[in-house]
Every structure is written in C-alpha cells, then in structure tokens.
Amino acid sequence: MGVPADPILSRIVIVPCCARKTATTVPVAALDLYQDGPVPKLRERLGAHPPHRQRIRILSAQHGVVDADTLLLPYDRPLDEARARQLRPQVTQRLRDAQLGLVEALIVADPLYLTLVADLLAVPKLRVHWVPDPFDGWTQAAAVLDGWGWP
C-alpha cells in the first residue's frame, strides 16, 4: 500500500496572465499584479494561505510561467500562436520540477494558453481538470478546489 499523496504538494493550479495589471513602478508578486480572469478570485481564495499560494503557477506571454510570488513589473505582450510555440519548451522545463509527486492539476486557461502546458497532459497518472473559460469558469474551478479541500 502506497503513501497517500500530500493534499497540497500533490496538486497545482495553473492560470493565465491577463491584459489588466496593477499600475506600479515597483515589482509586485505576480498574484497581485494580474487584475483580470481567474487571478483575482484565486488571490481572494488562496492568497493568504502560503502553502496553497506556493502551488499556483501563472502562464505569462512575457515570462512563460511564474510562481505566485515572482516579482514582476507590468508589461504589454499578448500571447499569439508563434509566442506560444516559442514559450512551450521553457514552460515545460519549468513545470518539470512541479511534476514530482503531482497527482492532480487544475488548469484554468483558454486553448491558446493550454498549448503552453500541453506536455503536462502526458504526465502518467496525473488527473487534469481543465476549465477552458478563464473569465466565466470560476464556478467550475472553485468546485475542483472544494473537492481538494482547499480553503
């Protein structure tokens, strides 16, 4: 009989960046920078819980993938197909570290952003929950987090 998976470390939440960002000249945590899509709801729900916050990754058209606490300045770079192809290997490499012991992933991202993490879909025994609408899919995402017993 195997050891049960850690209820926090065995899971990851992946969301996209957005166009609307905090106006600042001082770098702020990525989770605080993005002001649209699923990020505000995620920040409200998990932002004050450090162990859960550490399991958040944000897909960025500028930076590839960042942790919730990566310090960033605002930028203006939309994701297009060419940029997604360019970033995918980098994102895959960065997420490899997170795959150790991973049993579930919640991805709240439209199909273009999903291409950045497509290699994650091939991880053996990984249960992936995909919410394709980052603007109106929060109810579905919240249901997954509830099922995980996350705050």
N, C-alpha and C. Protein backbone atom coordinates (compact mmCIF):
# COMPACT_ATOMS: atom_id res chain seq x y z
N MET A 1 0.85 -1.19 0.00
CA MET A 1 0.00 0.00 0.00
C MET A 1 0.88 1.24 0.00
N GLY A 2 0.64 2.17 -0.93
CA GLY A 2 1.46 3.38 -1.07
C GLY A 2 1.13 4.44 -0.04
N VAL A 3 2.01 5.36 0.09
CA VAL A 3 1.81 6.50 0.98
C VAL A 3 0.80 7.45 0.32
N PRO A 4 -0.19 7.93 1.09
CA PRO A 4 -1.16 8.85 0.48
C PRO A 4 -0.48 10.14 0.02
N ALA A 5 -1.00 10.70 -1.05
CA ALA A 5 -0.44 11.93 -1.61
C ALA A 5 -0.70 13.09 -0.65
N ASP A 6 0.27 13.99 -0.56
CA ASP A 6 0.11 15.20 0.24
C ASP A 6 -1.03 16.03 -0.36
N PRO A 7 -2.01 16.46 0.45
CA PRO A 7 -3.17 17.17 -0.09
C PRO A 7 -2.86 18.53 -0.72
N ILE A 8 -1.69 19.07 -0.44
CA ILE A 8 -1.32 20.36 -1.03
C ILE A 8 -0.22 20.16 -2.07
N LEU A 9 0.89 19.53 -1.68
CA LEU A 9 2.03 19.40 -2.57
C LEU A 9 1.78 18.53 -3.79
N SER A 10 0.75 17.69 -3.73
CA SER A 10 0.45 16.80 -4.86
C SER A 10 -0.45 17.47 -5.90
N ARG A 11 -0.75 18.74 -5.67
CA ARG A 11 -1.66 19.44 -6.58
C ARG A 11 -1.07 20.78 -7.01
N ILE A 12 -1.51 21.24 -8.18
CA ILE A 12 -1.04 22.51 -8.71
C ILE A 12 -2.19 23.20 -9.43
N VAL A 13 -2.21 24.52 -9.35
CA VAL A 13 -3.20 25.33 -10.05
C VAL A 13 -2.45 26.19 -11.06
N ILE A 14 -2.91 26.15 -12.30
CA ILE A 14 -2.26 26.91 -13.38
C ILE A 14 -3.31 27.80 -14.03
N VAL A 15 -3.01 29.10 -14.08
CA VAL A 15 -3.93 30.08 -14.66
C VAL A 15 -3.16 30.99 -15.62
N PRO A 16 -3.87 31.66 -16.54
CA PRO A 16 -3.18 32.58 -17.46
C PRO A 16 -3.03 33.97 -16.87
N CYS A 17 -2.08 34.71 -17.44
CA CYS A 17 -1.98 36.13 -17.12
C CYS A 17 -3.15 36.84 -17.78
N CYS A 18 -3.16 38.15 -17.70
CA CYS A 18 -4.24 38.91 -18.33
C CYS A 18 -3.71 40.27 -18.75
N ALA A 19 -4.48 40.98 -19.53
CA ALA A 19 -4.06 42.29 -20.02
C ALA A 19 -4.10 43.35 -18.93
N ARG A 20 -5.07 43.26 -18.02
CA ARG A 20 -5.22 44.30 -16.98
C ARG A 20 -4.30 43.97 -15.81
N LYS A 21 -3.39 44.91 -15.52
CA LYS A 21 -2.40 44.70 -14.47
C LYS A 21 -2.39 45.90 -13.53
N THR A 22 -1.90 45.67 -12.33
CA THR A 22 -1.72 46.75 -11.36
C THR A 22 -0.75 47.77 -11.93
N ALA A 23 -1.10 49.05 -11.84
CA ALA A 23 -0.20 50.12 -12.29
C ALA A 23 0.83 50.33 -11.19
N THR A 24 2.08 50.01 -11.47
CA THR A 24 3.13 50.13 -10.48
C THR A 24 4.48 50.31 -11.15
N THR A 25 5.38 51.00 -10.48
CA THR A 25 6.76 51.11 -10.96
C THR A 25 7.69 50.29 -10.09
N VAL A 26 7.11 49.62 -9.10
CA VAL A 26 7.85 48.75 -8.19
C VAL A 26 7.38 47.31 -8.45
N PRO A 27 8.28 46.36 -8.61
CA PRO A 27 7.84 44.98 -8.84
C PRO A 27 6.92 44.47 -7.72
N VAL A 28 5.88 43.77 -8.11
CA VAL A 28 4.94 43.16 -7.16
C VAL A 28 4.80 41.68 -7.48
N ALA A 29 4.31 40.92 -6.52
CA ALA A 29 4.09 39.49 -6.71
C ALA A 29 3.12 39.28 -7.87
N ALA A 30 3.40 38.28 -8.69
CA ALA A 30 2.57 38.00 -9.86
C ALA A 30 1.09 37.86 -9.49
N LEU A 31 0.82 37.21 -8.36
CA LEU A 31 -0.57 37.01 -7.94
C LEU A 31 -1.26 38.35 -7.65
N ASP A 32 -0.48 39.37 -7.32
CA ASP A 32 -1.03 40.70 -7.06
C ASP A 32 -1.01 41.59 -8.31
N LEU A 33 -0.20 41.25 -9.28
CA LEU A 33 -0.07 42.06 -10.49
C LEU A 33 -1.30 41.94 -11.39
N TYR A 34 -1.74 40.73 -11.63
CA TYR A 34 -2.81 40.48 -12.61
C TYR A 34 -4.17 40.77 -11.99
N GLN A 35 -5.00 41.54 -12.73
CA GLN A 35 -6.26 42.04 -12.19
C GLN A 35 -7.50 41.57 -12.96
N ASP A 36 -7.37 40.48 -13.70
CA ASP A 36 -8.50 40.03 -14.51
C ASP A 36 -8.46 38.51 -14.61
N GLY A 37 -9.46 37.95 -15.27
CA GLY A 37 -9.52 36.49 -15.43
C GLY A 37 -9.69 35.82 -14.07
N PRO A 38 -9.12 34.64 -13.88
CA PRO A 38 -9.29 33.92 -12.63
C PRO A 38 -8.38 34.39 -11.50
N VAL A 39 -7.40 35.24 -11.80
CA VAL A 39 -6.40 35.61 -10.79
C VAL A 39 -7.01 36.31 -9.57
N PRO A 40 -7.88 37.31 -9.73
CA PRO A 40 -8.44 37.94 -8.52
C PRO A 40 -9.20 36.96 -7.62
N LYS A 41 -9.95 36.06 -8.20
CA LYS A 41 -10.68 35.06 -7.40
C LYS A 41 -9.70 34.10 -6.72
N LEU A 42 -8.67 33.71 -7.43
CA LEU A 42 -7.65 32.83 -6.86
C LEU A 42 -6.91 33.54 -5.73
N ARG A 43 -6.58 34.80 -5.95
CA ARG A 43 -5.90 35.60 -4.92
C ARG A 43 -6.78 35.71 -3.68
N GLU A 44 -8.07 35.96 -3.89
CA GLU A 44 -9.01 36.09 -2.77
C GLU A 44 -9.11 34.78 -1.98
N ARG A 45 -9.10 33.69 -2.70
CA ARG A 45 -9.30 32.39 -2.05
C ARG A 45 -8.02 31.83 -1.43
N LEU A 46 -6.90 31.90 -2.14
CA LEU A 46 -5.67 31.23 -1.69
C LEU A 46 -4.53 32.17 -1.32
N GLY A 47 -4.68 33.45 -1.63
CA GLY A 47 -3.58 34.39 -1.45
C GLY A 47 -3.03 34.48 -0.04
N ALA A 48 -3.87 34.29 0.96
CA ALA A 48 -3.44 34.41 2.35
C ALA A 48 -3.02 33.07 2.95
N HIS A 49 -2.93 32.03 2.13
CA HIS A 49 -2.56 30.69 2.59
C HIS A 49 -1.25 30.28 1.93
N PRO A 50 -0.10 30.59 2.55
CA PRO A 50 1.21 30.36 1.91
C PRO A 50 1.42 28.97 1.31
N PRO A 51 1.04 27.87 1.98
CA PRO A 51 1.28 26.57 1.35
C PRO A 51 0.51 26.40 0.03
N HIS A 52 -0.71 26.90 -0.02
CA HIS A 52 -1.51 26.79 -1.23
C HIS A 52 -1.02 27.78 -2.29
N ARG A 53 -0.69 28.97 -1.85
CA ARG A 53 -0.18 30.00 -2.75
C ARG A 53 1.06 29.51 -3.49
N GLN A 54 1.88 28.71 -2.83
CA GLN A 54 3.09 28.17 -3.45
C GLN A 54 2.79 27.15 -4.53
N ARG A 55 1.56 26.70 -4.62
CA ARG A 55 1.16 25.72 -5.63
C ARG A 55 0.49 26.38 -6.84
N ILE A 56 0.56 27.69 -6.93
CA ILE A 56 -0.04 28.45 -8.04
C ILE A 56 1.04 28.79 -9.05
N ARG A 57 0.74 28.55 -10.33
CA ARG A 57 1.61 28.97 -11.42
C ARG A 57 0.77 29.81 -12.37
N ILE A 58 1.38 30.88 -12.88
CA ILE A 58 0.69 31.78 -13.80
C ILE A 58 1.43 31.75 -15.14
N LEU A 59 0.68 31.46 -16.18
CA LEU A 59 1.22 31.45 -17.53
C LEU A 59 1.28 32.87 -18.04
N SER A 60 2.44 33.28 -18.51
CA SER A 60 2.66 34.65 -18.91
C SER A 60 3.17 34.72 -20.35
N ALA A 61 2.55 35.58 -21.15
CA ALA A 61 3.01 35.76 -22.53
C ALA A 61 4.41 36.38 -22.56
N GLN A 62 4.79 37.08 -21.52
CA GLN A 62 6.11 37.70 -21.43
C GLN A 62 7.15 36.76 -20.81
N HIS A 63 6.78 36.09 -19.70
CA HIS A 63 7.74 35.36 -18.89
C HIS A 63 7.63 33.83 -18.98
N GLY A 64 6.67 33.32 -19.69
CA GLY A 64 6.48 31.86 -19.77
C GLY A 64 5.59 31.38 -18.65
N VAL A 65 6.19 31.01 -17.54
CA VAL A 65 5.42 30.61 -16.36
C VAL A 65 6.14 31.16 -15.14
N VAL A 66 5.34 31.67 -14.20
CA VAL A 66 5.90 32.24 -12.98
C VAL A 66 5.13 31.71 -11.77
N ASP A 67 5.80 31.74 -10.63
CA ASP A 67 5.15 31.40 -9.37
C ASP A 67 4.31 32.58 -8.91
N ALA A 68 3.41 32.35 -7.99
CA ALA A 68 2.54 33.41 -7.47
C ALA A 68 3.34 34.56 -6.88
N ASP A 69 4.50 34.26 -6.30
CA ASP A 69 5.28 35.30 -5.61
C ASP A 69 6.45 35.83 -6.43
N THR A 70 6.55 35.47 -7.69
CA THR A 70 7.58 36.05 -8.56
C THR A 70 7.31 37.54 -8.70
N LEU A 71 8.32 38.35 -8.45
CA LEU A 71 8.16 39.80 -8.54
C LEU A 71 8.24 40.24 -10.00
N LEU A 72 7.22 40.99 -10.43
CA LEU A 72 7.11 41.44 -11.82
C LEU A 72 6.67 42.89 -11.89
N LEU A 73 7.03 43.50 -13.00
CA LEU A 73 6.51 44.82 -13.36
C LEU A 73 5.45 44.63 -14.44
N PRO A 74 4.54 45.57 -14.59
CA PRO A 74 3.55 45.46 -15.67
C PRO A 74 4.24 45.41 -17.04
N TYR A 75 3.61 44.74 -17.97
CA TYR A 75 4.11 44.64 -19.34
C TYR A 75 2.90 44.52 -20.25
N ASP A 76 3.13 44.71 -21.53
CA ASP A 76 2.05 44.60 -22.50
C ASP A 76 2.51 43.67 -23.62
N ARG A 77 2.17 42.41 -23.49
CA ARG A 77 2.54 41.44 -24.52
C ARG A 77 1.45 40.38 -24.61
N PRO A 78 0.64 40.43 -25.64
CA PRO A 78 -0.39 39.39 -25.79
C PRO A 78 0.23 38.08 -26.27
N LEU A 79 -0.44 37.00 -25.95
CA LEU A 79 0.01 35.69 -26.42
C LEU A 79 -0.60 35.42 -27.78
N ASP A 80 0.23 35.01 -28.73
CA ASP A 80 -0.26 34.56 -30.03
C ASP A 80 0.34 33.17 -30.28
N GLU A 81 -0.05 32.55 -31.39
CA GLU A 81 0.40 31.18 -31.65
C GLU A 81 1.91 31.07 -31.75
N ALA A 82 2.55 32.02 -32.39
CA ALA A 82 4.02 31.98 -32.53
C ALA A 82 4.69 32.08 -31.17
N ARG A 83 4.21 32.98 -30.31
CA ARG A 83 4.80 33.13 -28.98
C ARG A 83 4.53 31.88 -28.14
N ALA A 84 3.37 31.28 -28.28
CA ALA A 84 3.04 30.06 -27.54
C ALA A 84 4.00 28.93 -27.93
N ARG A 85 4.28 28.79 -29.22
CA ARG A 85 5.23 27.76 -29.68
C ARG A 85 6.63 28.04 -29.13
N GLN A 86 7.00 29.30 -29.10
CA GLN A 86 8.32 29.69 -28.60
C GLN A 86 8.45 29.41 -27.09
N LEU A 87 7.39 29.66 -26.33
CA LEU A 87 7.45 29.52 -24.88
C LEU A 87 7.25 28.09 -24.38
N ARG A 88 6.58 27.25 -25.17
CA ARG A 88 6.20 25.92 -24.68
C ARG A 88 7.37 25.11 -24.11
N PRO A 89 8.54 25.03 -24.78
CA PRO A 89 9.64 24.25 -24.19
C PRO A 89 10.10 24.82 -22.84
N GLN A 90 10.16 26.13 -22.74
CA GLN A 90 10.57 26.76 -21.49
C GLN A 90 9.56 26.47 -20.38
N VAL A 91 8.28 26.57 -20.69
CA VAL A 91 7.23 26.30 -19.70
C VAL A 91 7.29 24.83 -19.27
N THR A 92 7.45 23.94 -20.23
CA THR A 92 7.56 22.51 -19.92
C THR A 92 8.71 22.26 -18.95
N GLN A 93 9.86 22.84 -19.25
CA GLN A 93 11.03 22.66 -18.39
C GLN A 93 10.77 23.19 -16.98
N ARG A 94 10.17 24.37 -16.88
CA ARG A 94 9.89 24.96 -15.56
C ARG A 94 8.89 24.14 -14.76
N LEU A 95 7.94 23.51 -15.46
CA LEU A 95 6.93 22.73 -14.74
C LEU A 95 7.42 21.33 -14.37
N ARG A 96 8.51 20.88 -14.96
CA ARG A 96 9.04 19.55 -14.63
C ARG A 96 9.31 19.42 -13.14
N ASP A 97 9.83 20.46 -12.53
CA ASP A 97 10.10 20.43 -11.09
C ASP A 97 8.83 20.20 -10.29
N ALA A 98 7.74 20.80 -10.74
CA ALA A 98 6.47 20.69 -10.03
C ALA A 98 5.82 19.31 -10.22
N GLN A 99 6.29 18.53 -11.21
CA GLN A 99 5.65 17.26 -11.51
C GLN A 99 5.97 16.16 -10.49
N LEU A 100 7.04 16.29 -9.75
CA LEU A 100 7.42 15.27 -8.79
C LEU A 100 6.33 15.13 -7.73
N GLY A 101 5.70 13.98 -7.67
CA GLY A 101 4.65 13.73 -6.70
C GLY A 101 3.31 14.34 -7.05
N LEU A 102 3.20 14.92 -8.22
CA LEU A 102 1.96 15.57 -8.62
C LEU A 102 0.92 14.52 -9.01
N VAL A 103 -0.29 14.65 -8.47
CA VAL A 103 -1.37 13.73 -8.82
C VAL A 103 -2.55 14.44 -9.49
N GLU A 104 -2.69 15.75 -9.23
CA GLU A 104 -3.79 16.49 -9.84
C GLU A 104 -3.34 17.90 -10.22
N ALA A 105 -3.91 18.38 -11.32
CA ALA A 105 -3.65 19.75 -11.77
C ALA A 105 -4.97 20.37 -12.18
N LEU A 106 -5.15 21.62 -11.77
CA LEU A 106 -6.28 22.42 -12.22
C LEU A 106 -5.72 23.47 -13.16
N ILE A 107 -6.17 23.43 -14.40
CA ILE A 107 -5.73 24.39 -15.40
C ILE A 107 -6.95 25.20 -15.83
N VAL A 108 -6.90 26.49 -15.55
CA VAL A 108 -7.98 27.40 -15.94
C VAL A 108 -7.39 28.29 -17.03
N ALA A 109 -7.60 27.91 -18.28
CA ALA A 109 -6.96 28.62 -19.38
C ALA A 109 -7.66 28.33 -20.69
N ASP A 110 -7.71 29.34 -21.54
CA ASP A 110 -8.28 29.14 -22.87
C ASP A 110 -7.32 28.25 -23.68
N PRO A 111 -7.77 27.72 -24.81
CA PRO A 111 -6.96 26.76 -25.56
C PRO A 111 -5.57 27.27 -25.95
N LEU A 112 -5.41 28.55 -26.27
CA LEU A 112 -4.10 29.05 -26.65
C LEU A 112 -3.12 28.94 -25.47
N TYR A 113 -3.54 29.32 -24.29
CA TYR A 113 -2.68 29.18 -23.11
C TYR A 113 -2.48 27.71 -22.74
N LEU A 114 -3.48 26.88 -23.01
CA LEU A 114 -3.35 25.45 -22.73
C LEU A 114 -2.20 24.84 -23.54
N THR A 115 -1.95 25.37 -24.73
CA THR A 115 -0.84 24.82 -25.53
C THR A 115 0.50 24.98 -24.81
N LEU A 116 0.62 25.98 -23.94
CA LEU A 116 1.87 26.16 -23.19
C LEU A 116 2.14 24.99 -22.24
N VAL A 117 1.08 24.38 -21.74
CA VAL A 117 1.22 23.30 -20.76
C VAL A 117 0.79 21.95 -21.31
N ALA A 118 0.68 21.84 -22.62
CA ALA A 118 0.19 20.60 -23.24
C ALA A 118 1.01 19.38 -22.83
N ASP A 119 2.31 19.55 -22.61
CA ASP A 119 3.14 18.41 -22.21
C ASP A 119 2.76 17.88 -20.83
N LEU A 120 2.16 18.71 -20.02
CA LEU A 120 1.71 18.26 -18.70
C LEU A 120 0.60 17.22 -18.83
N LEU A 121 -0.14 17.30 -19.93
CA LEU A 121 -1.23 16.35 -20.15
C LEU A 121 -0.74 14.92 -20.35
N ALA A 122 0.54 14.76 -20.67
CA ALA A 122 1.10 13.44 -20.91
C ALA A 122 1.76 12.83 -19.67
N VAL A 123 1.71 13.53 -18.54
CA VAL A 123 2.33 13.01 -17.32
C VAL A 123 1.50 11.80 -16.84
N PRO A 124 2.15 10.64 -16.69
CA PRO A 124 1.41 9.45 -16.27
C PRO A 124 0.71 9.64 -14.92
N LYS A 125 -0.49 9.15 -14.84
CA LYS A 125 -1.30 9.14 -13.61
C LYS A 125 -1.63 10.53 -13.08
N LEU A 126 -1.48 11.55 -13.90
CA LEU A 126 -1.85 12.90 -13.48
C LEU A 126 -3.30 13.17 -13.90
N ARG A 127 -4.12 13.51 -12.94
CA ARG A 127 -5.52 13.86 -13.24
C ARG A 127 -5.57 15.36 -13.49
N VAL A 128 -5.98 15.72 -14.70
CA VAL A 128 -6.02 17.13 -15.09
C VAL A 128 -7.48 17.58 -15.17
N HIS A 129 -7.75 18.69 -14.49
CA HIS A 129 -9.05 19.35 -14.56
C HIS A 129 -8.84 20.60 -15.41
N TRP A 130 -9.52 20.68 -16.54
CA TRP A 130 -9.34 21.83 -17.43
C TRP A 130 -10.62 22.64 -17.48
N VAL A 131 -10.51 23.91 -17.15
CA VAL A 131 -11.60 24.87 -17.27
C VAL A 131 -11.21 25.80 -18.41
N PRO A 132 -11.86 25.69 -19.58
CA PRO A 132 -11.42 26.41 -20.77
C PRO A 132 -11.78 27.90 -20.81
N ASP A 133 -12.60 28.37 -19.88
CA ASP A 133 -13.01 29.78 -19.89
C ASP A 133 -12.46 30.48 -18.65
N PRO A 134 -11.33 31.18 -18.77
CA PRO A 134 -10.73 31.81 -17.60
C PRO A 134 -11.53 32.99 -17.05
N PHE A 135 -12.48 33.51 -17.82
CA PHE A 135 -13.25 34.65 -17.34
C PHE A 135 -14.56 34.24 -16.68
N ASP A 136 -15.21 33.23 -17.20
CA ASP A 136 -16.51 32.83 -16.65
C ASP A 136 -16.52 31.41 -16.07
N GLY A 137 -15.36 30.81 -15.93
CA GLY A 137 -15.30 29.43 -15.45
C GLY A 137 -14.94 29.27 -13.99
N TRP A 138 -14.99 30.36 -13.22
CA TRP A 138 -14.55 30.27 -11.83
C TRP A 138 -15.38 29.29 -11.01
N THR A 139 -16.68 29.17 -11.28
CA THR A 139 -17.52 28.24 -10.52
C THR A 139 -16.99 26.81 -10.67
N GLN A 140 -16.60 26.44 -11.89
CA GLN A 140 -16.03 25.11 -12.12
C GLN A 140 -14.70 24.96 -11.39
N ALA A 141 -13.86 25.98 -11.47
CA ALA A 141 -12.55 25.92 -10.81
C ALA A 141 -12.72 25.82 -9.30
N ALA A 142 -13.64 26.61 -8.75
CA ALA A 142 -13.88 26.58 -7.30
C ALA A 142 -14.37 25.20 -6.86
N ALA A 143 -15.17 24.55 -7.70
CA ALA A 143 -15.65 23.20 -7.36
C ALA A 143 -14.49 22.22 -7.25
N VAL A 144 -13.49 22.34 -8.13
CA VAL A 144 -12.30 21.48 -8.04
C VAL A 144 -11.56 21.76 -6.74
N LEU A 145 -11.33 23.04 -6.44
CA LEU A 145 -10.63 23.39 -5.20
C LEU A 145 -11.40 22.90 -3.97
N ASP A 146 -12.73 23.01 -4.02
CA ASP A 146 -13.55 22.48 -2.93
C ASP A 146 -13.34 20.98 -2.78
N GLY A 147 -13.33 20.28 -3.92
CA GLY A 147 -13.12 18.83 -3.89
C GLY A 147 -11.76 18.46 -3.31
N TRP A 148 -10.78 19.32 -3.49
CA TRP A 148 -9.46 19.09 -2.90
C TRP A 148 -9.42 19.42 -1.41
N GLY A 149 -10.45 20.10 -0.93
CA GLY A 149 -10.45 20.53 0.47
C GLY A 149 -9.59 21.76 0.69
N TRP A 150 -9.31 22.50 -0.38
CA TRP A 150 -8.50 23.72 -0.26
C TRP A 150 -9.37 24.86 0.24
N PRO A 151 -8.75 25.81 0.97
CA PRO A 151 -9.55 26.92 1.54
C PRO A 151 -10.22 27.75 0.45
